[in-house]
Amino acid sequence: MSRLILASASPRRRELLVQAGFTFEVSPAHVNEDTRPGEDPIAYVVRLARDKAEAVYAKLRDPEAIILGADTTVTLDGHILAKPEDAPDATRMLRMLSGRTHRVITGVAITSATGTEIAAEVTGVQFLTLTDKEIADYIATGEQMDKAGAYGIQGRAARWVPRIEGCYFNVVGLPLALVSTMLETRLRRNP
């Protein structure tokens, strides 16, 4: 019988998988998340998702395991805005996003004994124009520190987002419809 394993320590990804009704285990992957020279944002998150899923599969060596790897980033004007290093970095990112529409991209990889399947989801997110005080107050909460683009749409930053185009769950960190389709296909092949 197949075992679904999430290759991520993200509490948001765990919550979303539970919400979607999946039973799974968690085995976080530890991979280098540095961008490569000239790497575009979609290639970046898909590579990281694949690396995470394949690292956990190699570690477990369980032919019954189906590993879900994912990575999310924010991109604006060709810049990848990963997790901020510190408060000044988060402030810089939020100033970049202020009053603009950016893209949130999640790479997804499913690895099992039959190989690895990859995909990506892209969502457009519009931000209101932020004041320096709004940014400083948000930074003071600490909510931004483990999130790509220095914000969480499911938290206090929700009030800055008047419109999205695409999958809301992708912005949280896991595009549920895409993941569900990929997992259900894989589970049919690996009952």
N, C-alpha and C. Protein backbone atom coordinates (compact mmCIF):
# COMPACT_ATOMS: atom_id res chain seq x y z
N MET A 1 0.84 -1.19 0.00
CA MET A 1 0.00 0.00 0.00
C MET A 1 0.88 1.24 0.00
N SER A 2 0.55 2.21 -0.83
CA SER A 2 1.34 3.42 -0.97
C SER A 2 1.27 4.29 0.27
N ARG A 3 2.40 4.95 0.55
CA ARG A 3 2.49 5.93 1.64
C ARG A 3 2.79 7.28 1.02
N LEU A 4 1.97 8.28 1.32
CA LEU A 4 2.23 9.63 0.85
C LEU A 4 3.09 10.34 1.88
N ILE A 5 4.18 10.96 1.40
CA ILE A 5 5.10 11.65 2.30
C ILE A 5 5.34 13.06 1.76
N LEU A 6 5.14 14.04 2.62
CA LEU A 6 5.38 15.44 2.27
C LEU A 6 6.82 15.77 2.60
N ALA A 7 7.59 16.19 1.58
CA ALA A 7 9.00 16.52 1.76
C ALA A 7 9.15 18.00 2.11
N SER A 8 8.45 18.44 3.15
CA SER A 8 8.45 19.84 3.53
C SER A 8 8.13 19.99 5.01
N ALA A 9 8.77 20.96 5.63
CA ALA A 9 8.46 21.27 7.03
C ALA A 9 7.40 22.37 7.14
N SER A 10 6.90 22.85 6.01
CA SER A 10 5.96 23.97 6.01
C SER A 10 4.64 23.62 6.69
N PRO A 11 4.29 24.36 7.76
CA PRO A 11 3.00 24.10 8.40
C PRO A 11 1.83 24.43 7.48
N ARG A 12 2.01 25.38 6.57
CA ARG A 12 0.93 25.73 5.65
C ARG A 12 0.66 24.59 4.67
N ARG A 13 1.71 23.97 4.18
CA ARG A 13 1.50 22.83 3.26
C ARG A 13 0.83 21.67 3.99
N ARG A 14 1.23 21.43 5.21
CA ARG A 14 0.58 20.36 5.99
C ARG A 14 -0.91 20.66 6.17
N GLU A 15 -1.22 21.89 6.55
CA GLU A 15 -2.63 22.28 6.75
C GLU A 15 -3.44 22.12 5.47
N LEU A 16 -2.87 22.50 4.34
CA LEU A 16 -3.60 22.40 3.08
C LEU A 16 -3.84 20.95 2.68
N LEU A 17 -2.85 20.08 2.88
CA LEU A 17 -3.06 18.66 2.56
C LEU A 17 -4.12 18.03 3.45
N VAL A 18 -4.11 18.39 4.73
CA VAL A 18 -5.16 17.91 5.64
C VAL A 18 -6.52 18.41 5.18
N GLN A 19 -6.59 19.70 4.83
CA GLN A 19 -7.84 20.30 4.36
C GLN A 19 -8.37 19.56 3.14
N ALA A 20 -7.46 19.12 2.26
CA ALA A 20 -7.86 18.41 1.04
C ALA A 20 -8.18 16.94 1.29
N GLY A 21 -7.98 16.47 2.53
CA GLY A 21 -8.38 15.11 2.88
C GLY A 21 -7.31 14.05 2.69
N PHE A 22 -6.06 14.44 2.51
CA PHE A 22 -4.98 13.46 2.33
C PHE A 22 -4.44 12.99 3.67
N THR A 23 -4.08 11.72 3.72
CA THR A 23 -3.37 11.15 4.86
C THR A 23 -1.91 11.04 4.43
N PHE A 24 -1.01 11.54 5.25
CA PHE A 24 0.38 11.61 4.84
C PHE A 24 1.30 11.67 6.05
N GLU A 25 2.57 11.44 5.79
CA GLU A 25 3.63 11.61 6.78
C GLU A 25 4.47 12.81 6.33
N VAL A 26 5.30 13.30 7.25
CA VAL A 26 6.16 14.44 6.92
C VAL A 26 7.61 14.01 7.10
N SER A 27 8.41 14.29 6.07
CA SER A 27 9.86 14.05 6.12
C SER A 27 10.53 15.20 5.37
N PRO A 28 10.86 16.27 6.09
CA PRO A 28 11.42 17.44 5.41
C PRO A 28 12.71 17.13 4.67
N ALA A 29 12.86 17.75 3.53
CA ALA A 29 14.08 17.62 2.73
C ALA A 29 14.99 18.80 3.03
N HIS A 30 16.27 18.56 2.96
CA HIS A 30 17.24 19.63 3.17
C HIS A 30 18.10 19.71 1.91
N VAL A 31 17.80 20.69 1.07
CA VAL A 31 18.53 20.87 -0.19
C VAL A 31 18.99 22.31 -0.29
N ASN A 32 20.00 22.53 -1.10
CA ASN A 32 20.51 23.87 -1.35
C ASN A 32 19.46 24.64 -2.15
N GLU A 33 19.01 25.78 -1.64
CA GLU A 33 17.97 26.55 -2.30
C GLU A 33 18.49 27.79 -3.03
N ASP A 34 19.79 27.85 -3.25
CA ASP A 34 20.36 28.98 -3.99
C ASP A 34 19.93 28.92 -5.45
N THR A 35 19.71 30.09 -6.04
CA THR A 35 19.39 30.13 -7.47
C THR A 35 20.68 29.92 -8.26
N ARG A 36 20.49 29.42 -9.46
CA ARG A 36 21.62 29.24 -10.38
C ARG A 36 21.67 30.44 -11.32
N PRO A 37 22.84 30.80 -11.80
CA PRO A 37 22.95 31.94 -12.71
C PRO A 37 22.02 31.79 -13.91
N GLY A 38 21.21 32.83 -14.16
CA GLY A 38 20.31 32.84 -15.30
C GLY A 38 19.07 31.98 -15.15
N GLU A 39 18.86 31.38 -13.98
CA GLU A 39 17.72 30.48 -13.79
C GLU A 39 16.43 31.28 -13.66
N ASP A 40 15.44 30.94 -14.47
CA ASP A 40 14.18 31.67 -14.37
C ASP A 40 13.36 31.13 -13.20
N PRO A 41 12.38 31.90 -12.73
CA PRO A 41 11.64 31.53 -11.52
C PRO A 41 10.92 30.18 -11.61
N ILE A 42 10.33 29.86 -12.76
CA ILE A 42 9.64 28.57 -12.88
C ILE A 42 10.64 27.43 -12.81
N ALA A 43 11.73 27.54 -13.56
CA ALA A 43 12.75 26.49 -13.52
C ALA A 43 13.31 26.33 -12.11
N TYR A 44 13.47 27.44 -11.40
CA TYR A 44 14.00 27.43 -10.03
C TYR A 44 13.10 26.62 -9.08
N VAL A 45 11.80 26.94 -9.05
CA VAL A 45 10.93 26.25 -8.09
C VAL A 45 10.69 24.80 -8.49
N VAL A 46 10.64 24.51 -9.78
CA VAL A 46 10.46 23.12 -10.22
C VAL A 46 11.69 22.30 -9.85
N ARG A 47 12.88 22.88 -10.06
CA ARG A 47 14.12 22.18 -9.68
C ARG A 47 14.15 21.89 -8.18
N LEU A 48 13.80 22.88 -7.37
CA LEU A 48 13.81 22.66 -5.91
C LEU A 48 12.78 21.62 -5.49
N ALA A 49 11.59 21.67 -6.08
CA ALA A 49 10.56 20.68 -5.75
C ALA A 49 11.06 19.28 -6.09
N ARG A 50 11.66 19.13 -7.27
CA ARG A 50 12.20 17.83 -7.69
C ARG A 50 13.32 17.39 -6.74
N ASP A 51 14.25 18.31 -6.44
CA ASP A 51 15.36 17.97 -5.55
C ASP A 51 14.86 17.50 -4.19
N LYS A 52 13.86 18.18 -3.66
CA LYS A 52 13.31 17.80 -2.35
C LYS A 52 12.66 16.43 -2.40
N ALA A 53 11.80 16.21 -3.39
CA ALA A 53 11.10 14.92 -3.49
C ALA A 53 12.09 13.77 -3.70
N GLU A 54 13.05 13.98 -4.59
CA GLU A 54 14.00 12.90 -4.87
C GLU A 54 14.96 12.65 -3.72
N ALA A 55 15.32 13.70 -2.96
CA ALA A 55 16.19 13.52 -1.79
C ALA A 55 15.49 12.68 -0.72
N VAL A 56 14.22 12.95 -0.48
CA VAL A 56 13.48 12.18 0.53
C VAL A 56 13.26 10.75 0.04
N TYR A 57 12.95 10.57 -1.24
CA TYR A 57 12.77 9.22 -1.77
C TYR A 57 14.06 8.41 -1.62
N ALA A 58 15.20 9.02 -1.93
CA ALA A 58 16.48 8.34 -1.81
C ALA A 58 16.79 8.00 -0.35
N LYS A 59 16.43 8.89 0.55
CA LYS A 59 16.69 8.66 1.98
C LYS A 59 15.83 7.52 2.52
N LEU A 60 14.56 7.46 2.12
CA LEU A 60 13.65 6.44 2.66
C LEU A 60 13.83 5.07 2.02
N ARG A 61 14.16 5.05 0.75
CA ARG A 61 14.34 3.79 0.02
C ARG A 61 13.17 2.83 0.20
N ASP A 62 11.97 3.39 0.11
CA ASP A 62 10.74 2.61 0.26
C ASP A 62 10.01 2.61 -1.08
N PRO A 63 9.93 1.46 -1.76
CA PRO A 63 9.27 1.42 -3.07
C PRO A 63 7.77 1.74 -3.01
N GLU A 64 7.20 1.73 -1.83
CA GLU A 64 5.78 2.06 -1.66
C GLU A 64 5.54 3.55 -1.45
N ALA A 65 6.62 4.29 -1.25
CA ALA A 65 6.49 5.71 -0.92
C ALA A 65 6.20 6.55 -2.17
N ILE A 66 5.32 7.52 -1.98
CA ILE A 66 5.06 8.55 -2.97
C ILE A 66 5.39 9.87 -2.27
N ILE A 67 6.39 10.55 -2.81
CA ILE A 67 6.90 11.76 -2.16
C ILE A 67 6.39 13.00 -2.89
N LEU A 68 5.88 13.95 -2.12
CA LEU A 68 5.43 15.24 -2.64
C LEU A 68 6.43 16.30 -2.23
N GLY A 69 7.08 16.89 -3.22
CA GLY A 69 7.98 18.01 -2.99
C GLY A 69 7.36 19.27 -3.56
N ALA A 70 7.59 20.40 -2.92
CA ALA A 70 7.05 21.67 -3.42
C ALA A 70 7.98 22.80 -3.00
N ASP A 71 7.98 23.84 -3.80
CA ASP A 71 8.70 25.05 -3.46
C ASP A 71 7.96 26.23 -4.07
N THR A 72 7.87 27.31 -3.31
CA THR A 72 7.13 28.50 -3.74
C THR A 72 8.05 29.70 -3.73
N THR A 73 7.91 30.54 -4.74
CA THR A 73 8.64 31.81 -4.75
C THR A 73 7.72 32.90 -5.27
N VAL A 74 8.16 34.12 -5.05
CA VAL A 74 7.49 35.30 -5.56
C VAL A 74 8.43 35.92 -6.59
N THR A 75 7.87 36.41 -7.68
CA THR A 75 8.71 37.03 -8.70
C THR A 75 8.08 38.34 -9.18
N LEU A 76 8.95 39.32 -9.39
CA LEU A 76 8.53 40.63 -9.88
C LEU A 76 9.66 41.18 -10.74
N ASP A 77 9.32 41.58 -11.95
CA ASP A 77 10.32 42.15 -12.87
C ASP A 77 11.52 41.22 -13.07
N GLY A 78 11.27 39.92 -13.09
CA GLY A 78 12.35 38.96 -13.30
C GLY A 78 13.17 38.65 -12.07
N HIS A 79 12.86 39.28 -10.94
CA HIS A 79 13.59 39.03 -9.69
C HIS A 79 12.87 37.95 -8.90
N ILE A 80 13.63 37.00 -8.37
CA ILE A 80 13.09 35.98 -7.48
C ILE A 80 13.16 36.53 -6.06
N LEU A 81 12.00 36.58 -5.40
CA LEU A 81 11.94 37.04 -4.01
C LEU A 81 11.64 35.83 -3.14
N ALA A 82 12.69 35.20 -2.66
CA ALA A 82 12.55 34.02 -1.81
C ALA A 82 12.25 34.48 -0.38
N LYS A 83 12.54 33.65 0.59
CA LYS A 83 12.33 34.03 1.98
C LYS A 83 13.33 35.12 2.36
N PRO A 84 12.88 36.14 3.09
CA PRO A 84 13.81 37.22 3.46
C PRO A 84 14.87 36.74 4.45
N GLU A 85 16.05 37.32 4.32
CA GLU A 85 17.16 36.97 5.23
C GLU A 85 17.00 37.62 6.59
N ASP A 86 16.41 38.83 6.60
CA ASP A 86 16.26 39.60 7.85
C ASP A 86 15.20 40.68 7.63
N ALA A 87 14.95 41.49 8.64
CA ALA A 87 13.92 42.53 8.55
C ALA A 87 14.20 43.55 7.44
N PRO A 88 15.44 44.04 7.28
CA PRO A 88 15.68 44.97 6.18
C PRO A 88 15.42 44.34 4.80
N ASP A 89 15.75 43.07 4.64
CA ASP A 89 15.48 42.37 3.37
C ASP A 89 13.98 42.26 3.15
N ALA A 90 13.22 41.96 4.19
CA ALA A 90 11.76 41.87 4.08
C ALA A 90 11.18 43.24 3.73
N THR A 91 11.69 44.29 4.34
CA THR A 91 11.24 45.65 4.03
C THR A 91 11.48 45.98 2.57
N ARG A 92 12.66 45.63 2.07
CA ARG A 92 13.00 45.85 0.66
C ARG A 92 12.00 45.14 -0.25
N MET A 93 11.69 43.90 0.06
CA MET A 93 10.76 43.13 -0.77
C MET A 93 9.37 43.74 -0.76
N LEU A 94 8.88 44.11 0.40
CA LEU A 94 7.52 44.67 0.49
C LEU A 94 7.44 46.02 -0.22
N ARG A 95 8.50 46.78 -0.18
CA ARG A 95 8.51 48.04 -0.95
C ARG A 95 8.45 47.77 -2.45
N MET A 96 9.13 46.72 -2.89
CA MET A 96 9.09 46.34 -4.31
C MET A 96 7.67 45.94 -4.72
N LEU A 97 6.98 45.20 -3.85
CA LEU A 97 5.65 44.67 -4.17
C LEU A 97 4.56 45.73 -4.06
N SER A 98 4.79 46.77 -3.27
CA SER A 98 3.80 47.81 -3.00
C SER A 98 3.24 48.42 -4.29
N GLY A 99 1.90 48.37 -4.41
CA GLY A 99 1.21 48.98 -5.53
C GLY A 99 1.39 48.27 -6.86
N ARG A 100 1.90 47.06 -6.84
CA ARG A 100 2.21 46.32 -8.06
C ARG A 100 1.51 44.96 -8.06
N THR A 101 1.52 44.34 -9.22
CA THR A 101 1.04 42.96 -9.34
C THR A 101 2.27 42.08 -9.57
N HIS A 102 2.41 41.05 -8.74
CA HIS A 102 3.53 40.12 -8.86
C HIS A 102 3.00 38.72 -9.11
N ARG A 103 3.90 37.80 -9.35
CA ARG A 103 3.52 36.40 -9.57
C ARG A 103 4.03 35.54 -8.43
N VAL A 104 3.18 34.61 -8.00
CA VAL A 104 3.59 33.58 -7.05
C VAL A 104 3.64 32.27 -7.84
N ILE A 105 4.77 31.60 -7.76
CA ILE A 105 4.97 30.37 -8.52
C ILE A 105 5.32 29.25 -7.55
N THR A 106 4.61 28.13 -7.67
CA THR A 106 4.93 26.95 -6.90
C THR A 106 5.28 25.83 -7.85
N GLY A 107 6.44 25.24 -7.61
CA GLY A 107 6.85 24.04 -8.33
C GLY A 107 6.41 22.84 -7.50
N VAL A 108 5.93 21.81 -8.18
CA VAL A 108 5.45 20.60 -7.51
C VAL A 108 6.13 19.41 -8.16
N ALA A 109 6.57 18.44 -7.35
CA ALA A 109 7.15 17.20 -7.87
C ALA A 109 6.58 16.03 -7.09
N ILE A 110 6.22 14.99 -7.81
CA ILE A 110 5.75 13.74 -7.21
C ILE A 110 6.76 12.67 -7.62
N THR A 111 7.40 12.04 -6.65
CA THR A 111 8.40 11.01 -6.92
C THR A 111 7.95 9.70 -6.30
N SER A 112 8.08 8.63 -7.08
CA SER A 112 7.79 7.28 -6.59
C SER A 112 8.67 6.32 -7.37
N ALA A 113 8.45 5.04 -7.18
CA ALA A 113 9.23 4.02 -7.88
C ALA A 113 9.10 4.14 -9.40
N THR A 114 8.03 4.76 -9.86
CA THR A 114 7.83 4.89 -11.31
C THR A 114 8.44 6.17 -11.89
N GLY A 115 9.12 6.97 -11.06
CA GLY A 115 9.78 8.18 -11.56
C GLY A 115 9.27 9.45 -10.91
N THR A 116 9.60 10.56 -11.53
CA THR A 116 9.22 11.88 -11.01
C THR A 116 8.41 12.63 -12.04
N GLU A 117 7.32 13.20 -11.59
CA GLU A 117 6.48 14.06 -12.42
C GLU A 117 6.55 15.46 -11.84
N ILE A 118 6.69 16.47 -12.69
CA ILE A 118 6.81 17.85 -12.21
C ILE A 118 5.76 18.74 -12.87
N ALA A 119 5.44 19.82 -12.19
CA ALA A 119 4.51 20.82 -12.72
C ALA A 119 4.73 22.12 -11.96
N ALA A 120 4.13 23.18 -12.47
CA ALA A 120 4.20 24.47 -11.78
C ALA A 120 2.87 25.18 -11.91
N GLU A 121 2.54 25.97 -10.92
CA GLU A 121 1.33 26.79 -10.90
C GLU A 121 1.76 28.24 -10.73
N VAL A 122 1.11 29.15 -11.47
CA VAL A 122 1.43 30.57 -11.39
C VAL A 122 0.15 31.35 -11.05
N THR A 123 0.24 32.23 -10.07
CA THR A 123 -0.89 33.07 -9.66
C THR A 123 -0.44 34.52 -9.63
N GLY A 124 -1.24 35.40 -10.21
CA GLY A 124 -0.97 36.83 -10.12
C GLY A 124 -1.59 37.41 -8.86
N VAL A 125 -0.83 38.23 -8.16
CA VAL A 125 -1.31 38.83 -6.90
C VAL A 125 -1.10 40.34 -6.97
N GLN A 126 -2.20 41.08 -6.81
CA GLN A 126 -2.13 42.54 -6.81
C GLN A 126 -2.00 43.03 -5.37
N PHE A 127 -1.09 43.96 -5.14
CA PHE A 127 -0.90 44.57 -3.82
C PHE A 127 -1.38 46.01 -3.86
N LEU A 128 -1.98 46.47 -2.78
CA LEU A 128 -2.25 47.89 -2.60
C LEU A 128 -0.93 48.62 -2.40
N THR A 129 -0.96 49.93 -2.48
CA THR A 129 0.23 50.73 -2.18
C THR A 129 0.37 50.78 -0.66
N LEU A 130 1.56 50.44 -0.17
CA LEU A 130 1.80 50.35 1.27
C LEU A 130 2.58 51.56 1.76
N THR A 131 2.23 52.02 2.95
CA THR A 131 3.01 53.09 3.57
C THR A 131 4.20 52.47 4.30
N ASP A 132 5.19 53.30 4.59
CA ASP A 132 6.34 52.81 5.36
C ASP A 132 5.89 52.31 6.73
N LYS A 133 4.89 52.97 7.32
CA LYS A 133 4.40 52.53 8.63
C LYS A 133 3.73 51.16 8.53
N GLU A 134 2.92 50.96 7.50
CA GLU A 134 2.28 49.64 7.32
C GLU A 134 3.33 48.54 7.19
N ILE A 135 4.36 48.81 6.42
CA ILE A 135 5.43 47.83 6.25
C ILE A 135 6.14 47.58 7.57
N ALA A 136 6.51 48.65 8.28
CA ALA A 136 7.21 48.52 9.56
C ALA A 136 6.37 47.77 10.59
N ASP A 137 5.07 48.08 10.64
CA ASP A 137 4.19 47.39 11.59
C ASP A 137 4.09 45.91 11.27
N TYR A 138 4.03 45.58 9.98
CA TYR A 138 3.96 44.18 9.57
C TYR A 138 5.27 43.45 9.90
N ILE A 139 6.39 44.09 9.61
CA ILE A 139 7.69 43.49 9.90
C ILE A 139 7.82 43.22 11.40
N ALA A 140 7.28 44.10 12.22
CA ALA A 140 7.36 43.94 13.67
C ALA A 140 6.63 42.69 14.16
N THR A 141 5.68 42.18 13.37
CA THR A 141 4.97 40.96 13.78
C THR A 141 5.82 39.71 13.61
N GLY A 142 6.83 39.77 12.72
CA GLY A 142 7.65 38.60 12.44
C GLY A 142 7.01 37.62 11.47
N GLU A 143 5.79 37.89 11.05
CA GLU A 143 5.03 36.97 10.20
C GLU A 143 5.72 36.71 8.86
N GLN A 144 6.52 37.65 8.40
CA GLN A 144 7.12 37.59 7.07
C GLN A 144 8.33 36.68 6.96
N MET A 145 8.93 36.30 8.05
CA MET A 145 10.27 35.73 7.99
C MET A 145 10.41 34.37 7.31
N ASP A 146 9.41 33.55 7.29
CA ASP A 146 9.58 32.24 6.64
C ASP A 146 8.75 32.12 5.37
N LYS A 147 8.49 33.26 4.74
CA LYS A 147 7.59 33.26 3.58
C LYS A 147 8.23 33.94 2.37
N ALA A 148 8.10 33.29 1.23
CA ALA A 148 8.59 33.88 -0.01
C ALA A 148 7.92 35.23 -0.23
N GLY A 149 8.70 36.22 -0.66
CA GLY A 149 8.16 37.55 -0.89
C GLY A 149 7.89 38.33 0.37
N ALA A 150 8.21 37.76 1.52
CA ALA A 150 8.09 38.43 2.83
C ALA A 150 6.66 38.71 3.26
N TYR A 151 5.70 37.88 2.80
CA TYR A 151 4.33 38.05 3.29
C TYR A 151 3.58 36.72 3.20
N GLY A 152 2.52 36.63 4.00
CA GLY A 152 1.62 35.49 3.95
C GLY A 152 0.22 35.99 3.65
N ILE A 153 -0.35 35.55 2.53
CA ILE A 153 -1.69 36.01 2.15
C ILE A 153 -2.74 35.53 3.15
N GLN A 154 -2.45 34.44 3.85
CA GLN A 154 -3.40 33.89 4.81
C GLN A 154 -3.29 34.58 6.18
N GLY A 155 -2.37 35.53 6.31
CA GLY A 155 -2.19 36.24 7.57
C GLY A 155 -2.59 37.70 7.45
N ARG A 156 -1.87 38.55 8.15
CA ARG A 156 -2.19 39.98 8.20
C ARG A 156 -2.06 40.68 6.85
N ALA A 157 -1.21 40.16 5.99
CA ALA A 157 -1.02 40.79 4.68
C ALA A 157 -2.25 40.62 3.78
N ALA A 158 -3.20 39.82 4.16
CA ALA A 158 -4.41 39.63 3.36
C ALA A 158 -5.10 40.95 3.06
N ARG A 159 -5.01 41.90 3.97
CA ARG A 159 -5.69 43.19 3.78
C ARG A 159 -5.06 44.02 2.67
N TRP A 160 -3.88 43.62 2.18
CA TRP A 160 -3.21 44.36 1.11
C TRP A 160 -3.50 43.80 -0.27
N VAL A 161 -4.29 42.73 -0.35
CA VAL A 161 -4.48 42.00 -1.61
C VAL A 161 -5.93 42.14 -2.08
N PRO A 162 -6.20 43.13 -2.94
CA PRO A 162 -7.57 43.30 -3.42
C PRO A 162 -7.96 42.28 -4.50
N ARG A 163 -6.95 41.66 -5.13
CA ARG A 163 -7.29 40.80 -6.27
C ARG A 163 -6.16 39.80 -6.52
N ILE A 164 -6.57 38.57 -6.85
CA ILE A 164 -5.61 37.59 -7.36
C ILE A 164 -6.18 37.02 -8.66
N GLU A 165 -5.28 36.52 -9.48
CA GLU A 165 -5.69 35.84 -10.70
C GLU A 165 -5.04 34.47 -10.69
N GLY A 166 -5.86 33.45 -10.41
CA GLY A 166 -5.33 32.09 -10.33
C GLY A 166 -5.70 31.44 -9.02
N CYS A 167 -4.91 30.48 -8.63
CA CYS A 167 -5.19 29.64 -7.46
C CYS A 167 -4.76 30.32 -6.15
N TYR A 168 -5.71 30.55 -5.27
CA TYR A 168 -5.41 31.14 -3.96
C TYR A 168 -4.46 30.24 -3.17
N PHE A 169 -4.72 28.93 -3.19
CA PHE A 169 -3.92 28.00 -2.39
C PHE A 169 -2.46 27.98 -2.85
N ASN A 170 -2.23 28.28 -4.12
CA ASN A 170 -0.87 28.41 -4.63
C ASN A 170 -0.13 29.51 -3.88
N VAL A 171 -0.81 30.61 -3.61
CA VAL A 171 -0.19 31.73 -2.91
C VAL A 171 0.12 31.34 -1.46
N VAL A 172 -0.71 30.50 -0.88
CA VAL A 172 -0.45 30.01 0.48
C VAL A 172 0.76 29.06 0.48
N GLY A 173 0.95 28.32 -0.62
CA GLY A 173 2.13 27.45 -0.70
C GLY A 173 1.93 26.10 -1.34
N LEU A 174 0.68 25.76 -1.74
CA LEU A 174 0.47 24.46 -2.37
C LEU A 174 -0.80 24.51 -3.22
N PRO A 175 -0.67 24.48 -4.53
CA PRO A 175 -1.85 24.54 -5.40
C PRO A 175 -2.63 23.23 -5.31
N LEU A 176 -3.68 23.23 -4.51
CA LEU A 176 -4.37 21.98 -4.17
C LEU A 176 -4.97 21.25 -5.35
N ALA A 177 -5.58 21.95 -6.29
CA ALA A 177 -6.20 21.25 -7.43
C ALA A 177 -5.12 20.54 -8.25
N LEU A 178 -4.03 21.22 -8.53
CA LEU A 178 -2.93 20.62 -9.28
C LEU A 178 -2.35 19.42 -8.53
N VAL A 179 -2.05 19.61 -7.25
CA VAL A 179 -1.47 18.53 -6.45
C VAL A 179 -2.42 17.35 -6.36
N SER A 180 -3.70 17.62 -6.12
CA SER A 180 -4.68 16.53 -6.02
C SER A 180 -4.75 15.73 -7.31
N THR A 181 -4.76 16.40 -8.44
CA THR A 181 -4.80 15.70 -9.73
C THR A 181 -3.55 14.85 -9.92
N MET A 182 -2.39 15.42 -9.62
CA MET A 182 -1.14 14.67 -9.77
C MET A 182 -1.09 13.47 -8.83
N LEU A 183 -1.50 13.66 -7.57
CA LEU A 183 -1.46 12.55 -6.60
C LEU A 183 -2.46 11.46 -6.95
N GLU A 184 -3.66 11.86 -7.33
CA GLU A 184 -4.67 10.85 -7.65
C GLU A 184 -4.24 10.02 -8.86
N THR A 185 -3.62 10.65 -9.84
CA THR A 185 -3.09 9.92 -10.99
C THR A 185 -2.01 8.94 -10.55
N ARG A 186 -1.09 9.41 -9.72
CA ARG A 186 0.01 8.55 -9.25
C ARG A 186 -0.51 7.43 -8.36
N LEU A 187 -1.48 7.73 -7.50
CA LEU A 187 -2.03 6.69 -6.62
C LEU A 187 -2.76 5.61 -7.41
N ARG A 188 -3.38 5.97 -8.52
CA ARG A 188 -4.03 4.96 -9.36
C ARG A 188 -2.99 4.03 -9.96
N ARG A 189 -1.80 4.57 -10.27
CA ARG A 189 -0.73 3.75 -10.84
C ARG A 189 -0.01 2.94 -9.77
N ASN A 190 0.01 3.45 -8.53
CA ASN A 190 0.71 2.78 -7.41
C ASN A 190 -0.30 2.56 -6.28
N PRO A 191 -1.25 1.64 -6.44
CA PRO A 191 -2.28 1.48 -5.39
C PRO A 191 -1.71 1.03 -4.06
